[in-house]
Amino acid sequence: MRRMPLPASAKVRLGANVISARGDRKRSEIAAALGSSRESVAQVERGQRDISIDWIVRLAKVLGTTAAALLNGVRLIDEKKR
């Protein structure tokens, strides 16, 4: 899967949006749902990892939001999934 080279500012924004959408759920819980590691999720939250669009879409589903919301900061989080 090809990773998306986002500008540093977009990675930081994505990371902040992931943190916001994650709420008080643990990184390990999100990572397990993605079949990934806790450290991978942490790197995304810190804006230190290039990820594929597919990974962003899967992450958004796990978090109960959309890829657009994670990338743009639009608050579209489904509270039932939190």
Protein backbone atom coordinates (compact mmCIF):
# COMPACT_ATOMS: atom_id res chain seq x y z
CA MET A 1 0.00 0.00 0.00
CA ARG A 2 1.41 3.36 -1.00
CA ARG A 3 1.75 5.89 1.77
CA MET A 4 0.59 9.45 1.34
CA PRO A 5 3.35 12.05 1.75
CA LEU A 6 1.49 14.78 3.62
CA PRO A 7 3.10 18.12 4.42
CA ALA A 8 4.26 18.35 8.04
CA SER A 9 1.45 20.76 8.97
CA ALA A 10 -1.18 18.36 7.59
CA LYS A 11 0.34 15.46 9.55
CA VAL A 12 0.18 17.48 12.75
CA ARG A 13 -3.44 18.46 12.04
CA LEU A 14 -4.34 14.84 11.27
CA GLY A 15 -2.68 13.74 14.50
CA ALA A 16 -4.55 16.31 16.56
CA ASN A 17 -7.82 15.24 14.95
CA VAL A 18 -7.09 11.58 15.70
CA ILE A 19 -6.39 12.45 19.34
CA SER A 20 -9.65 14.40 19.52
CA ALA A 21 -11.66 11.61 17.88
CA ARG A 22 -10.03 8.94 20.06
CA GLY A 23 -11.26 10.65 23.21
CA ASP A 24 -10.44 8.61 26.28
CA ARG A 25 -10.03 5.31 24.44
CA LYS A 26 -6.54 3.85 24.68
CA ARG A 27 -4.17 3.78 21.73
CA SER A 28 -3.84 0.03 22.20
CA GLU A 29 -7.60 -0.40 21.71
CA ILE A 30 -7.51 1.59 18.47
CA ALA A 31 -4.39 -0.25 17.29
CA ALA A 32 -5.95 -3.65 17.97
CA ALA A 33 -9.04 -2.72 15.95
CA LEU A 34 -6.76 -1.67 13.09
CA GLY A 35 -4.49 -4.72 13.34
CA SER A 36 -1.61 -2.33 13.97
CA SER A 37 0.68 -1.40 16.84
CA ARG A 38 0.10 1.15 19.58
CA GLU A 39 3.31 2.86 18.46
CA SER A 40 1.98 3.25 14.90
CA VAL A 41 -1.09 5.04 16.25
CA ALA A 42 1.13 7.18 18.50
CA GLN A 43 3.32 8.14 15.53
CA VAL A 44 0.25 9.22 13.56
CA GLU A 45 -0.95 11.28 16.53
CA ARG A 46 2.46 12.98 16.74
CA GLY A 47 2.49 13.68 12.99
CA GLN A 48 5.53 11.47 12.49
CA ARG A 49 4.16 8.84 10.12
CA ASP A 50 3.07 8.82 6.48
CA ILE A 51 0.01 6.63 6.09
CA SER A 52 -2.09 5.40 3.19
CA ILE A 53 -5.54 6.70 2.38
CA ASP A 54 -6.86 3.19 3.09
CA TRP A 55 -5.33 3.33 6.58
CA ILE A 56 -6.93 6.75 7.19
CA VAL A 57 -10.31 5.39 6.08
CA ARG A 58 -9.97 2.34 8.36
CA LEU A 59 -8.85 4.56 11.25
CA ALA A 60 -11.81 6.85 10.71
CA LYS A 61 -14.23 3.90 10.83
CA VAL A 62 -12.67 2.65 14.07
CA LEU A 63 -12.98 6.15 15.54
CA GLY A 64 -16.58 6.57 14.36
CA THR A 65 -15.89 9.46 12.00
CA THR A 66 -14.85 10.03 8.38
CA ALA A 67 -11.52 10.36 6.64
CA ALA A 68 -12.51 13.91 5.67
CA ALA A 69 -13.10 14.78 9.31
CA LEU A 70 -9.69 13.42 10.31
CA LEU A 71 -7.94 15.28 7.50
CA ASN A 72 -9.86 18.54 7.77
CA GLY A 73 -10.81 18.70 11.42
CA VAL A 74 -14.54 18.67 10.79
CA ARG A 75 -16.33 17.29 13.82
CA LEU A 76 -18.36 14.38 12.41
CA ILE A 77 -17.85 11.87 15.20
CA ASP A 78 -20.57 9.32 15.88
CA GLU A 79 -20.92 9.36 19.66
CA LYS A 80 -22.33 5.80 19.66
CA LYS A 81 -18.98 4.42 18.52
CA ARG A 82 -17.01 6.16 21.28
